[in-house]
Amino acid sequence: MTVSTVFFLIAAIIGLGFLGAWLFRITRVPEVMLLIGAGIALREFLKVDTDLIFSIAPYFGVFALVVIMFEGGLHLDFQLLLKQWRNSLGMLALVFALSFAATMALGIYLLAYPWLHAALLASALACTSAAIVVPMVRQVRMNRATKTVLELESSLSDAVAVLITVTLLNVFAKGNEGGNAALLVLASLTGALWIGPLAAFVWGWITSKLSDQPLIYLATFAAMLVVYASCEALHSSGVFGVFLFALVLSNGPRILRRVWPAQSPREELREWMGESVRGFHAELTFLVRAFFFVFLGMLFDYHALTLKIVLEALSIYLALIIARWLAVSWIRIGDDKAERARTTRALFLFGPRGLASAVLATIPLQYGVKISADFITITICIVFLSNLAITLGVRWVEKGSLPAPPLVKSE
């Protein structure tokens, strides 16, 4: 392949991303399926080596996940987060636990997987995709409380799935040493909780002093990667650490005013994250999302599909739908019956699988766990089905909602 061809393909993918975003505003059909379809077509056209794709997947997938989680943390409102944390954590616990249990049971009894393989598949499929949910809920008409619950649930479920998967794989690699597993879980839960916020306060103070300096976004991007690497070095969730880093960095002044009100008048506490940083990261997030979904399409080998795999994927997806509906029925958001019904529709529909599921399905290979080819094919089938459901259901969610917000905020 020539250099000019590579450059043309890069330009075409970016163009498809813009086209998909434009079509979504007009038709309310998400661009996810368009980009995944482009990836499938590229795989066939370029005859890409499957082993090469899967060798790249863990690295590109984790990078994309970090970028998306940083974006999600930047846009979460701290005040709404305090109001909706019970609903968010309650929904996360119910959805993840029910989805994990249902998928693991089907993995053992339907697919005849060993318990480790079934647990790894359950972990990969129990989490919703922050890469899809976070950007999309900002474009779909729904109330802010519902958006906050969905953003927080998808962001945290990615972190929980990564935690469980890495714990299982480390236990497998170390010969099921229970003490090591307990220490690993403890480190995973605590490391990110102090590294992310502490780094955000330190970096927020630094950027408040250097806000007029050029290239501040690149420095912030480097700080984000350092946070991820630091958490991972302590066997903690780097993804969750980055999410907390962005959340505190974006809401730092408001947090300080609550815990240290005497210092609130200081000018440097007014704003840590300038619009230029948010704007640059929004551009990077768009670019990464577009390439990720094309890459996801390239991971999908439709030649490997058989009737057996399709039926197995449909069975697991049906179990995931039932698990999510049971969990959503417990959540109450809204002042009246009509608003609660719209909220229930939104919470139920926005359970797509994507980035995290695809990455977690390939990670066992890096630990020497010999998973079957069906393992990855079933995962990507469910990614496809769950995104197809959103494509078909956006108008159902928006039914009776307020008009869509403007694309550009008025000053």
Protein backbone atom coordinates (compact mmCIF):
# COMPACT_ATOMS: atom_id res chain seq x y z
CA MET A 1 0.00 0.00 0.00
CA THR A 2 1.41 3.39 -1.00
CA VAL A 3 1.73 6.42 1.27
CA SER A 4 -0.82 8.34 -0.80
CA THR A 5 -3.34 5.50 -0.40
CA VAL A 6 -2.89 5.50 3.38
CA PHE A 7 -3.39 9.27 3.51
CA PHE A 8 -6.50 8.96 1.36
CA LEU A 9 -7.97 6.29 3.68
CA ILE A 10 -7.29 8.47 6.74
CA ALA A 11 -9.04 11.40 5.06
CA ALA A 12 -11.95 9.14 4.05
CA ILE A 13 -12.44 7.88 7.63
CA ILE A 14 -12.43 11.44 9.00
CA GLY A 15 -14.89 12.44 6.28
CA LEU A 16 -17.17 9.52 7.18
CA GLY A 17 -17.07 10.66 10.81
CA PHE A 18 -18.21 14.15 9.84
CA LEU A 19 -20.83 12.73 7.48
CA GLY A 20 -22.14 10.44 10.20
CA ALA A 21 -22.37 13.29 12.73
CA TRP A 22 -24.23 15.44 10.18
CA LEU A 23 -26.63 12.64 9.28
CA PHE A 24 -27.34 12.03 12.97
CA ARG A 25 -28.49 15.63 13.43
CA ILE A 26 -30.89 15.20 10.51
CA THR A 27 -32.06 11.59 10.77
CA ARG A 28 -31.25 10.80 14.47
CA VAL A 29 -29.50 7.64 13.23
CA PRO A 30 -26.13 7.28 15.03
CA GLU A 31 -22.95 7.17 12.94
CA VAL A 32 -21.74 4.01 14.71
CA MET A 33 -23.16 1.58 12.18
CA LEU A 34 -21.86 3.61 9.22
CA LEU A 35 -18.32 3.54 10.61
CA ILE A 36 -18.45 -0.15 11.58
CA GLY A 37 -19.69 -0.94 8.06
CA ALA A 38 -16.79 1.03 6.61
CA GLY A 39 -14.40 -1.03 8.71
CA ILE A 40 -15.89 -4.29 7.43
CA ALA A 41 -15.57 -3.04 3.85
CA LEU A 42 -11.96 -1.94 4.41
CA ARG A 43 -11.03 -5.34 5.81
CA GLU A 44 -12.35 -7.04 2.69
CA PHE A 45 -10.89 -4.46 0.29
CA LEU A 46 -7.41 -4.36 1.85
CA LYS A 47 -7.26 -8.07 2.77
CA VAL A 48 -5.86 -7.10 6.18
CA ASP A 49 -4.07 -9.81 8.16
CA THR A 50 -6.30 -10.89 11.08
CA ASP A 51 -3.35 -11.54 13.40
CA LEU A 52 -2.11 -7.98 12.82
CA ILE A 53 -5.51 -6.51 13.73
CA PHE A 54 -5.75 -8.43 16.98
CA SER A 55 -2.17 -7.61 17.93
CA ILE A 56 -2.98 -3.89 17.63
CA ALA A 57 -6.40 -4.10 19.33
CA PRO A 58 -5.32 -4.00 23.01
CA TYR A 59 -3.09 -0.94 22.50
CA PHE A 60 -5.39 1.09 20.29
CA GLY A 61 -8.44 0.07 22.29
CA VAL A 62 -6.96 1.13 25.63
CA PHE A 63 -5.77 4.45 24.17
CA ALA A 64 -9.22 5.15 22.76
CA LEU A 65 -10.83 4.20 26.07
CA VAL A 66 -8.55 6.59 27.99
CA VAL A 67 -9.33 9.47 25.63
CA ILE A 68 -13.08 8.86 25.82
CA MET A 69 -13.08 8.54 29.62
CA PHE A 70 -11.20 11.83 29.92
CA GLU A 71 -13.84 13.43 27.72
CA GLY A 72 -16.60 11.96 29.87
CA GLY A 73 -15.08 13.27 33.08
CA LEU A 74 -14.62 16.75 31.61
CA HIS A 75 -18.33 17.09 30.86
CA LEU A 76 -19.82 15.65 34.05
CA ASP A 77 -21.39 18.34 36.23
CA PHE A 78 -20.32 17.94 39.88
CA GLN A 79 -23.60 19.32 41.25
CA LEU A 80 -25.68 16.87 39.21
CA LEU A 81 -23.28 14.09 40.12
CA LEU A 82 -23.95 14.69 43.83
CA LYS A 83 -27.69 14.59 43.20
CA GLN A 84 -27.69 11.47 41.02
CA TRP A 85 -24.94 9.31 42.55
CA ARG A 86 -27.45 7.00 44.26
CA ASN A 87 -29.32 6.34 41.01
CA SER A 88 -26.04 5.97 39.07
CA LEU A 89 -24.40 3.53 41.48
CA GLY A 90 -27.65 1.63 42.04
CA MET A 91 -28.16 1.19 38.32
CA LEU A 92 -24.52 0.25 37.79
CA ALA A 93 -24.64 -2.42 40.48
CA LEU A 94 -27.94 -3.92 39.31
CA VAL A 95 -27.19 -3.87 35.58
CA PHE A 96 -23.65 -5.18 35.91
CA ALA A 97 -24.48 -7.91 38.45
CA LEU A 98 -27.52 -9.21 36.54
CA SER A 99 -25.75 -9.02 33.16
CA PHE A 100 -22.64 -10.74 34.51
CA ALA A 101 -24.61 -13.54 36.15
CA ALA A 102 -26.80 -14.17 33.09
CA THR A 103 -23.88 -14.17 30.65
CA MET A 104 -21.70 -16.40 32.81
CA ALA A 105 -24.54 -18.91 33.23
CA LEU A 106 -25.10 -19.03 29.46
CA GLY A 107 -21.34 -19.28 28.87
CA ILE A 108 -21.11 -22.35 31.10
CA TYR A 109 -24.33 -24.14 30.19
CA LEU A 110 -24.98 -23.00 26.60
CA LEU A 111 -21.48 -22.49 25.19
CA ALA A 112 -19.83 -25.14 27.40
CA TYR A 113 -16.97 -22.79 28.30
CA PRO A 114 -14.69 -23.41 31.30
CA TRP A 115 -15.61 -21.17 34.23
CA LEU A 116 -12.70 -18.78 33.56
CA HIS A 117 -13.68 -18.28 29.92
CA ALA A 118 -17.33 -17.80 30.89
CA ALA A 119 -16.38 -15.23 33.54
CA LEU A 120 -14.15 -13.35 31.08
CA LEU A 121 -16.94 -13.28 28.49
CA ALA A 122 -19.41 -12.10 31.16
CA SER A 123 -17.06 -9.34 32.25
CA ALA A 124 -16.56 -8.14 28.67
CA LEU A 125 -20.30 -8.06 27.93
CA ALA A 126 -21.65 -6.80 31.27
CA CYS A 127 -20.28 -3.28 30.73
CA THR A 128 -21.87 -0.65 28.54
CA SER A 129 -19.64 1.43 26.29
CA ALA A 130 -18.69 4.89 27.51
CA ALA A 131 -17.18 5.52 24.06
CA ILE A 132 -20.69 5.33 22.59
CA VAL A 133 -22.91 6.49 25.45
CA VAL A 134 -20.99 9.60 26.57
CA PRO A 135 -20.89 11.41 23.19
CA MET A 136 -24.34 10.26 22.10
CA VAL A 137 -26.37 11.26 25.17
CA ARG A 138 -25.21 14.84 24.64
CA GLN A 139 -26.91 14.84 21.23
CA VAL A 140 -30.13 12.99 22.12
CA ARG A 141 -33.03 14.86 23.71
CA MET A 142 -33.41 13.80 27.35
CA ASN A 143 -33.22 15.51 30.74
CA ARG A 144 -29.85 16.26 32.32
CA ALA A 145 -30.41 13.93 35.27
CA THR A 146 -30.85 10.97 32.91
CA LYS A 147 -27.76 11.99 30.93
CA THR A 148 -25.70 12.13 34.12
CA VAL A 149 -26.87 8.68 35.25
CA LEU A 150 -26.08 7.15 31.85
CA GLU A 151 -22.67 8.83 31.60
CA LEU A 152 -21.65 7.79 35.09
CA GLU A 153 -23.00 4.24 34.72
CA SER A 154 -21.22 3.63 31.41
CA SER A 155 -17.96 5.21 32.61
CA LEU A 156 -17.86 3.24 35.85
CA SER A 157 -18.99 -0.02 34.25
CA ASP A 158 -15.98 0.13 31.92
CA ALA A 159 -13.71 0.54 34.94
CA VAL A 160 -15.43 -2.30 36.84
CA ALA A 161 -15.19 -4.63 33.82
CA VAL A 162 -11.48 -3.86 33.39
CA LEU A 163 -10.94 -4.46 37.11
CA ILE A 164 -12.70 -7.85 37.07
CA THR A 165 -11.02 -8.99 33.86
CA VAL A 166 -7.51 -8.05 34.98
CA THR A 167 -8.12 -9.64 38.39
CA LEU A 168 -9.28 -12.91 36.81
CA LEU A 169 -6.34 -12.98 34.42
CA ASN A 170 -3.82 -12.23 37.15
CA VAL A 171 -5.28 -14.98 39.33
CA PHE A 172 -4.99 -17.35 36.37
CA ALA A 173 -1.41 -16.25 35.65
CA LYS A 174 -0.34 -16.59 39.31
CA GLY A 175 -1.91 -19.95 39.88
CA ASN A 176 -5.07 -18.90 41.75
CA GLU A 177 -3.30 -17.46 44.77
CA GLY A 178 -6.17 -16.08 46.82
CA GLY A 179 -4.09 -13.63 48.84
CA ASN A 180 -2.68 -12.05 45.71
CA ALA A 181 -6.16 -11.72 44.22
CA ALA A 182 -7.46 -9.97 47.35
CA LEU A 183 -4.54 -7.53 47.34
CA LEU A 184 -5.05 -6.87 43.64
CA VAL A 185 -8.73 -6.04 44.11
CA LEU A 186 -7.90 -3.73 47.03
CA ALA A 187 -5.24 -1.92 45.01
CA SER A 188 -7.57 -1.62 42.01
CA LEU A 189 -10.26 -0.01 44.13
CA THR A 190 -8.05 2.37 46.08
CA GLY A 191 -5.17 3.39 43.82
CA ALA A 192 -7.23 5.28 41.26
CA LEU A 193 -9.34 6.91 43.98
CA TRP A 194 -6.42 8.92 45.30
CA ILE A 195 -4.10 9.18 42.28
CA GLY A 196 -6.70 10.69 39.94
CA PRO A 197 -8.07 13.43 42.25
CA LEU A 198 -4.64 14.27 43.73
CA ALA A 199 -3.10 14.64 40.27
CA ALA A 200 -6.08 16.80 39.21
CA PHE A 201 -5.61 19.23 42.11
CA VAL A 202 -1.87 19.48 41.46
CA TRP A 203 -2.28 19.91 37.71
CA GLY A 204 -5.19 22.32 38.20
CA TRP A 205 -3.02 24.55 40.36
CA ILE A 206 -0.22 24.40 37.77
CA THR A 207 -2.51 25.24 34.83
CA SER A 208 -4.07 28.14 36.77
CA LYS A 209 -0.58 29.65 36.87
CA LEU A 210 0.21 28.84 33.22
CA SER A 211 -3.18 29.44 31.59
CA ASP A 212 -1.70 32.00 29.18
CA GLN A 213 1.04 29.64 27.98
CA PRO A 214 0.85 27.98 24.54
CA LEU A 215 0.58 24.21 24.11
CA ILE A 216 -1.19 23.81 27.47
CA TYR A 217 -3.43 21.09 26.03
CA LEU A 218 -0.49 18.88 25.04
CA ALA A 219 0.86 19.22 28.56
CA THR A 220 -2.56 18.25 29.95
CA PHE A 221 -2.68 15.29 27.57
CA ALA A 222 0.73 14.17 28.85
CA ALA A 223 -0.49 14.54 32.46
CA MET A 224 -3.49 12.33 31.59
CA LEU A 225 -1.17 9.60 30.29
CA VAL A 226 1.01 9.87 33.41
CA VAL A 227 -2.09 9.38 35.59
CA TYR A 228 -3.03 6.27 33.61
CA ALA A 229 0.50 4.83 33.79
CA SER A 230 0.78 5.58 37.53
CA CYS A 231 -2.49 3.80 38.32
CA GLU A 232 -1.56 0.80 36.21
CA ALA A 233 1.88 0.61 37.87
CA LEU A 234 0.07 0.16 41.20
CA HIS A 235 -2.19 -2.54 39.67
CA SER A 236 -5.08 -0.10 39.82
CA SER A 237 -7.57 0.86 37.10
CA GLY A 238 -5.86 3.46 34.94
CA VAL A 239 -9.08 4.09 33.05
CA PHE A 240 -10.95 4.92 36.24
CA GLY A 241 -8.05 7.07 37.43
CA VAL A 242 -8.19 9.12 34.22
CA PHE A 243 -11.95 9.53 34.60
CA LEU A 244 -11.53 10.87 38.16
CA PHE A 245 -8.62 13.07 37.01
CA ALA A 246 -10.84 14.71 34.37
CA LEU A 247 -13.85 14.98 36.69
CA VAL A 248 -11.90 16.77 39.43
CA LEU A 249 -9.94 18.85 36.93
CA SER A 250 -13.17 20.09 35.37
CA ASN A 251 -15.00 20.68 38.65
CA GLY A 252 -12.04 21.48 40.91
CA PRO A 253 -12.94 25.09 41.75
CA ARG A 254 -16.50 24.11 42.73
CA ILE A 255 -15.21 21.21 44.82
CA LEU A 256 -12.76 23.49 46.63
CA ARG A 257 -15.49 26.03 47.33
CA ARG A 258 -17.49 23.33 49.10
CA VAL A 259 -14.65 21.97 51.24
CA TRP A 260 -12.56 25.18 51.58
CA PRO A 261 -14.96 28.13 51.22
CA ALA A 262 -12.54 30.68 52.68
CA GLN A 263 -10.34 30.34 49.57
CA SER A 264 -13.11 30.61 46.97
CA PRO A 265 -12.63 34.30 46.11
CA ARG A 266 -9.14 33.64 44.75
CA GLU A 267 -8.95 34.36 41.04
CA GLU A 268 -7.03 31.20 40.16
CA LEU A 269 -9.84 29.01 41.54
CA ARG A 270 -12.36 30.45 39.10
CA GLU A 271 -11.51 28.12 36.25
CA TRP A 272 -8.89 25.43 35.72
CA MET A 273 -9.87 24.05 32.34
CA GLY A 274 -10.01 26.68 29.60
CA GLU A 275 -12.25 26.36 26.56
CA SER A 276 -9.19 25.77 24.39
CA VAL A 277 -8.35 22.58 26.33
CA ARG A 278 -11.92 21.31 26.09
CA GLY A 279 -12.07 22.21 22.41
CA PHE A 280 -8.82 20.47 21.54
CA HIS A 281 -9.82 17.34 23.43
CA ALA A 282 -13.24 17.31 21.75
CA GLU A 283 -11.45 17.29 18.38
CA LEU A 284 -9.16 14.44 19.50
CA THR A 285 -12.12 12.47 20.87
CA PHE A 286 -13.97 12.80 17.56
CA LEU A 287 -10.91 11.57 15.68
CA VAL A 288 -10.30 8.61 18.01
CA ARG A 289 -13.99 7.58 17.99
CA ALA A 290 -14.14 7.61 14.20
CA PHE A 291 -11.04 5.45 13.83
CA PHE A 292 -12.07 3.15 16.68
CA PHE A 293 -15.41 2.21 15.14
CA VAL A 294 -13.78 1.61 11.76
CA PHE A 295 -11.21 -0.53 13.55
CA LEU A 296 -14.03 -2.40 15.31
CA GLY A 297 -15.52 -3.21 11.91
CA MET A 298 -12.12 -4.52 10.81
CA LEU A 299 -12.07 -6.84 13.83
CA PHE A 300 -15.32 -8.45 12.69
CA ASP A 301 -14.87 -11.47 10.43
CA TYR A 302 -18.31 -12.23 9.04
CA HIS A 303 -16.90 -15.28 7.26
CA ALA A 304 -16.64 -16.93 10.69
CA LEU A 305 -20.37 -16.55 11.31
CA THR A 306 -22.40 -19.72 11.52
CA LEU A 307 -26.03 -20.30 12.47
CA LYS A 308 -24.84 -21.72 15.79
CA ILE A 309 -22.82 -18.58 16.65
CA VAL A 310 -25.66 -16.29 15.61
CA LEU A 311 -28.16 -18.15 17.82
CA GLU A 312 -25.72 -18.13 20.74
CA ALA A 313 -25.13 -14.39 20.35
CA LEU A 314 -28.87 -13.73 20.15
CA SER A 315 -29.45 -15.79 23.29
CA ILE A 316 -26.84 -13.83 25.26
CA TYR A 317 -28.10 -10.50 23.91
CA LEU A 318 -31.65 -11.39 24.93
CA ALA A 319 -30.41 -12.20 28.44
CA LEU A 320 -28.60 -8.84 28.57
CA ILE A 321 -31.77 -7.01 27.50
CA ILE A 322 -33.84 -8.73 30.19
CA ALA A 323 -31.19 -8.01 32.84
CA ARG A 324 -31.10 -4.31 31.90
CA TRP A 325 -34.89 -4.02 31.89
CA LEU A 326 -35.12 -5.57 35.35
CA ALA A 327 -32.51 -3.11 36.65
CA VAL A 328 -34.03 -0.05 34.95
CA SER A 329 -37.47 -0.78 36.38
CA TRP A 330 -36.08 0.08 39.84
CA ILE A 331 -34.82 3.55 38.85
CA ARG A 332 -37.15 6.54 39.28
CA ILE A 333 -36.15 9.85 37.67
CA GLY A 334 -38.68 12.56 36.83
CA ASP A 335 -41.43 14.59 38.44
CA ASP A 336 -44.38 13.01 36.66
CA LYS A 337 -45.43 9.75 35.06
CA ALA A 338 -44.69 10.88 31.49
CA GLU A 339 -41.18 12.06 32.37
CA ARG A 340 -40.43 8.85 34.26
CA ALA A 341 -41.59 6.83 31.23
CA ARG A 342 -39.22 8.77 28.95
CA THR A 343 -36.40 8.25 31.44
CA THR A 344 -37.07 4.50 31.58
CA ARG A 345 -36.94 4.29 27.78
CA ALA A 346 -33.61 6.13 27.69
CA LEU A 347 -32.05 4.09 30.48
CA PHE A 348 -33.17 0.86 28.86
CA LEU A 349 -32.02 1.65 25.32
CA PHE A 350 -28.61 3.13 26.11
CA GLY A 351 -26.84 -0.09 26.97
CA PRO A 352 -24.57 -0.52 23.92
CA ARG A 353 -21.47 -2.65 23.98
CA GLY A 354 -18.45 -1.33 22.13
CA LEU A 355 -14.92 -0.27 22.91
CA ALA A 356 -14.42 -1.90 26.30
CA SER A 357 -16.14 -5.14 25.29
CA ALA A 358 -14.05 -5.50 22.14
CA VAL A 359 -10.81 -4.74 23.98
CA LEU A 360 -11.58 -7.03 26.91
CA ALA A 361 -12.45 -9.85 24.52
CA THR A 362 -8.92 -9.71 23.08
CA ILE A 363 -6.95 -9.13 26.31
CA PRO A 364 -6.99 -12.84 27.43
CA LEU A 365 -4.76 -13.63 24.45
CA GLN A 366 -2.06 -11.39 25.96
CA TYR A 367 -2.14 -13.50 29.18
CA GLY A 368 -1.82 -16.83 27.42
CA VAL A 369 -5.49 -17.80 27.87
CA LYS A 370 -6.40 -19.83 24.79
CA ILE A 371 -9.90 -18.60 24.04
CA SER A 372 -11.80 -19.93 21.04
CA ALA A 373 -12.43 -17.88 17.91
CA ASP A 374 -16.14 -17.95 18.77
CA PHE A 375 -15.38 -15.96 21.94
CA ILE A 376 -14.42 -12.83 19.97
CA THR A 377 -16.98 -13.36 17.20
CA ILE A 378 -19.86 -13.58 19.70
CA THR A 379 -18.63 -10.45 21.46
CA ILE A 380 -18.55 -8.42 18.25
CA CYS A 381 -21.96 -9.79 17.21
CA ILE A 382 -23.42 -8.44 20.46
CA VAL A 383 -21.62 -5.13 19.91
CA PHE A 384 -23.30 -5.00 16.50
CA LEU A 385 -26.76 -5.93 17.84
CA SER A 386 -26.68 -3.47 20.73
CA ASN A 387 -25.62 -0.61 18.45
CA LEU A 388 -28.26 -1.57 15.91
CA ALA A 389 -30.83 -1.30 18.72
CA ILE A 390 -29.74 2.29 19.42
CA THR A 391 -29.82 3.10 15.71
CA LEU A 392 -33.43 1.95 15.54
CA GLY A 393 -34.51 3.31 18.93
CA VAL A 394 -33.29 6.91 19.19
CA ARG A 395 -36.60 8.38 18.00
CA TRP A 396 -38.44 6.16 20.51
CA VAL A 397 -36.31 7.62 23.30
CA GLU A 398 -36.87 11.20 22.13
CA LYS A 399 -40.62 10.79 21.80
CA GLY A 400 -42.28 13.54 23.83
CA SER A 401 -38.98 15.14 24.88
CA LEU A 402 -38.02 18.79 24.67
CA PRO A 403 -36.49 20.15 21.42
CA ALA A 404 -32.86 19.28 20.80
CA PRO A 405 -30.33 21.64 22.35
CA PRO A 406 -28.43 24.01 20.07
CA LEU A 407 -25.24 22.69 18.56
CA VAL A 408 -23.29 25.73 19.77
CA LYS A 409 -23.82 27.21 23.19
CA SER A 410 -24.82 30.82 23.23
CA GLU A 411 -22.63 33.17 25.20
